[in-house]
Amino acid sequence: MEPHYRPQSISGAFCDLGYSFIGKTETYVVDINVILQQYNVKDVPAIIAKAKQFRRPNEKKNITLSSYLDRWKSVDQETIMKLQKIYSVDIEMFGYPRQPY
């Protein structure tokens, strides 16, 4: 399987390491704020604004929840079931819903 699409549960030693925090791309800005504040980093908004300057041109801006859900509605149930099977451990491990919409 292409590494970018490989389930995270087989890509690393998640169960073997004692993580104190796991961030998600869906909550990236909030997660970064939590981490920076935890380490008493000052002027968090300015740091995030500066980091956004280095975003590659092909990176997508945050999509809204409604556009995310709309995309899933066009996927047939058989494909969703296959994806659920492939990513079942990740879905449980990271607390994602079984149905994407």
C-alpha atoms as a PDB file:
ATOM      1  CA  MET A   1       0.000   0.000   0.000  1.00  0.00           C
ATOM      2  CA  GLU A   2       1.191   3.503  -0.802  1.00  0.00           C
ATOM      3  CA  PRO A   3       2.791   4.868   2.415  1.00  0.00           C
ATOM      4  CA  HIS A   4       0.676   8.035   2.488  1.00  0.00           C
ATOM      5  CA  TYR A   5      -2.512   5.964   2.662  1.00  0.00           C
ATOM      6  CA  ARG A   6      -1.229   3.175   4.900  1.00  0.00           C
ATOM      7  CA  PRO A   7      -3.122   2.886   8.209  1.00  0.00           C
ATOM      8  CA  GLN A   8      -1.283   4.715  10.969  1.00  0.00           C
ATOM      9  CA  SER A   9      -1.688   1.709  13.233  1.00  0.00           C
ATOM     10  CA  ILE A  10       0.760  -0.256  11.053  1.00  0.00           C
ATOM     11  CA  SER A  11       2.995   2.694  10.191  1.00  0.00           C
ATOM     12  CA  GLY A  12       4.405   3.307  13.627  1.00  0.00           C
ATOM     13  CA  ALA A  13       4.702   2.002  17.140  1.00  0.00           C
ATOM     14  CA  PHE A  14       1.697   3.875  18.532  1.00  0.00           C
ATOM     15  CA  CYS A  15       0.874   1.253  21.133  1.00  0.00           C
ATOM     16  CA  ASP A  16       4.497   0.929  22.231  1.00  0.00           C
ATOM     17  CA  LEU A  17       5.079   4.608  22.951  1.00  0.00           C
ATOM     18  CA  GLY A  18       3.608   6.582  25.812  1.00  0.00           C
ATOM     19  CA  TYR A  19       2.278   9.604  23.974  1.00  0.00           C
ATOM     20  CA  SER A  20       1.096  12.469  26.132  1.00  0.00           C
ATOM     21  CA  PHE A  21      -0.611  14.159  23.186  1.00  0.00           C
ATOM     22  CA  ILE A  22      -1.799  13.141  19.736  1.00  0.00           C
ATOM     23  CA  GLY A  23      -2.754  15.974  17.399  1.00  0.00           C
ATOM     24  CA  LYS A  24      -5.052  15.654  14.424  1.00  0.00           C
ATOM     25  CA  THR A  25      -5.027  17.518  11.138  1.00  0.00           C
ATOM     26  CA  GLU A  26      -8.687  18.351  11.683  1.00  0.00           C
ATOM     27  CA  THR A  27      -7.830  20.286  14.849  1.00  0.00           C
ATOM     28  CA  TYR A  28      -4.324  21.425  13.883  1.00  0.00           C
ATOM     29  CA  VAL A  29      -4.603  25.076  14.970  1.00  0.00           C
ATOM     30  CA  VAL A  30      -6.179  24.185  18.308  1.00  0.00           C
ATOM     31  CA  ASP A  31      -3.637  21.397  18.893  1.00  0.00           C
ATOM     32  CA  ILE A  32      -0.676  23.668  18.137  1.00  0.00           C
ATOM     33  CA  ASN A  33      -2.069  26.249  20.556  1.00  0.00           C
ATOM     34  CA  VAL A  34      -2.351  23.613  23.294  1.00  0.00           C
ATOM     35  CA  ILE A  35       1.232  22.439  22.792  1.00  0.00           C
ATOM     36  CA  LEU A  36       2.721  25.934  22.612  1.00  0.00           C
ATOM     37  CA  GLN A  37       0.811  27.090  25.687  1.00  0.00           C
ATOM     38  CA  GLN A  38       1.822  23.946  27.575  1.00  0.00           C
ATOM     39  CA  TYR A  39       5.447  24.964  27.087  1.00  0.00           C
ATOM     40  CA  ASN A  40       4.713  28.607  27.953  1.00  0.00           C
ATOM     41  CA  VAL A  41       5.500  29.858  24.462  1.00  0.00           C
ATOM     42  CA  LYS A  42       4.486  33.493  24.206  1.00  0.00           C
ATOM     43  CA  ASP A  43       2.618  35.171  21.340  1.00  0.00           C
ATOM     44  CA  VAL A  44       1.067  31.964  19.998  1.00  0.00           C
ATOM     45  CA  PRO A  45      -1.075  33.707  17.318  1.00  0.00           C
ATOM     46  CA  ALA A  46       2.017  35.381  15.806  1.00  0.00           C
ATOM     47  CA  ILE A  47       3.879  32.057  15.677  1.00  0.00           C
ATOM     48  CA  ILE A  48       0.958  30.373  13.920  1.00  0.00           C
ATOM     49  CA  ALA A  49       0.660  33.258  11.446  1.00  0.00           C
ATOM     50  CA  LYS A  50       4.379  32.996  10.664  1.00  0.00           C
ATOM     51  CA  ALA A  51       4.135  29.216  10.194  1.00  0.00           C
ATOM     52  CA  LYS A  52       1.303  29.685   7.690  1.00  0.00           C
ATOM     53  CA  GLN A  53       3.691  31.704   5.510  1.00  0.00           C
ATOM     54  CA  PHE A  54       5.595  28.491   4.796  1.00  0.00           C
ATOM     55  CA  ARG A  55       2.543  26.630   3.545  1.00  0.00           C
ATOM     56  CA  ARG A  56       3.214  25.105   0.142  1.00  0.00           C
ATOM     57  CA  PRO A  57       1.085  26.437  -2.725  1.00  0.00           C
ATOM     58  CA  ASN A  58      -0.588  23.074  -3.261  1.00  0.00           C
ATOM     59  CA  GLU A  59      -1.670  22.679   0.372  1.00  0.00           C
ATOM     60  CA  LYS A  60      -5.387  23.046   0.728  1.00  0.00           C
ATOM     61  CA  LYS A  61      -6.818  25.592   3.071  1.00  0.00           C
ATOM     62  CA  ASN A  62      -9.020  24.250   5.838  1.00  0.00           C
ATOM     63  CA  ILE A  63     -12.139  22.728   4.372  1.00  0.00           C
ATOM     64  CA  THR A  64     -15.359  23.255   6.221  1.00  0.00           C
ATOM     65  CA  LEU A  65     -17.134  20.418   7.926  1.00  0.00           C
ATOM     66  CA  SER A  66     -20.051  20.749   5.523  1.00  0.00           C
ATOM     67  CA  SER A  67     -17.836  20.427   2.429  1.00  0.00           C
ATOM     68  CA  TYR A  68     -16.105  17.428   4.049  1.00  0.00           C
ATOM     69  CA  LEU A  69     -19.459  15.752   4.683  1.00  0.00           C
ATOM     70  CA  ASP A  70     -20.682  16.575   1.185  1.00  0.00           C
ATOM     71  CA  ARG A  71     -17.678  14.775  -0.300  1.00  0.00           C
ATOM     72  CA  TRP A  72     -18.410  11.626   1.696  1.00  0.00           C
ATOM     73  CA  LYS A  73     -22.050  11.572   0.594  1.00  0.00           C
ATOM     74  CA  SER A  74     -20.924  10.823  -2.960  1.00  0.00           C
ATOM     75  CA  VAL A  75     -19.032   7.671  -1.861  1.00  0.00           C
ATOM     76  CA  ASP A  76     -21.005   4.443  -2.208  1.00  0.00           C
ATOM     77  CA  GLN A  77     -21.682   2.282   0.855  1.00  0.00           C
ATOM     78  CA  GLU A  78     -19.581  -0.638  -0.432  1.00  0.00           C
ATOM     79  CA  THR A  79     -16.490   1.591  -0.661  1.00  0.00           C
ATOM     80  CA  ILE A  80     -17.143   3.018   2.792  1.00  0.00           C
ATOM     81  CA  MET A  81     -17.354  -0.519   4.202  1.00  0.00           C
ATOM     82  CA  LYS A  82     -14.040  -1.453   2.557  1.00  0.00           C
ATOM     83  CA  LEU A  83     -12.391   1.667   3.982  1.00  0.00           C
ATOM     84  CA  GLN A  84     -13.822   0.913   7.428  1.00  0.00           C
ATOM     85  CA  LYS A  85     -12.295  -2.557   7.279  1.00  0.00           C
ATOM     86  CA  ILE A  86      -8.873  -1.292   6.181  1.00  0.00           C
ATOM     87  CA  TYR A  87      -8.794   1.538   8.737  1.00  0.00           C
ATOM     88  CA  SER A  88     -10.798  -0.072  11.566  1.00  0.00           C
ATOM     89  CA  VAL A  89      -7.944   0.072  14.091  1.00  0.00           C
ATOM     90  CA  ASP A  90      -7.169   3.697  13.216  1.00  0.00           C
ATOM     91  CA  ILE A  91     -10.856   4.649  13.442  1.00  0.00           C
ATOM     92  CA  GLU A  92     -11.020   3.235  16.956  1.00  0.00           C
ATOM     93  CA  MET A  93      -7.558   4.378  18.057  1.00  0.00           C
ATOM     94  CA  PHE A  94      -8.097   8.007  17.047  1.00  0.00           C
ATOM     95  CA  GLY A  95     -11.780   8.231  17.964  1.00  0.00           C
ATOM     96  CA  TYR A  96     -13.189   8.795  14.485  1.00  0.00           C
ATOM     97  CA  PRO A  97     -16.841   7.995  13.779  1.00  0.00           C
ATOM     98  CA  ARG A  98     -17.621   4.723  11.965  1.00  0.00           C
ATOM     99  CA  GLN A  99     -19.766   6.591   9.457  1.00  0.00           C
ATOM    100  CA  PRO A 100     -18.028   9.646   7.995  1.00  0.00           C
ATOM    101  CA  TYR A 101     -21.313  11.580   7.766  1.00  0.00           C
END
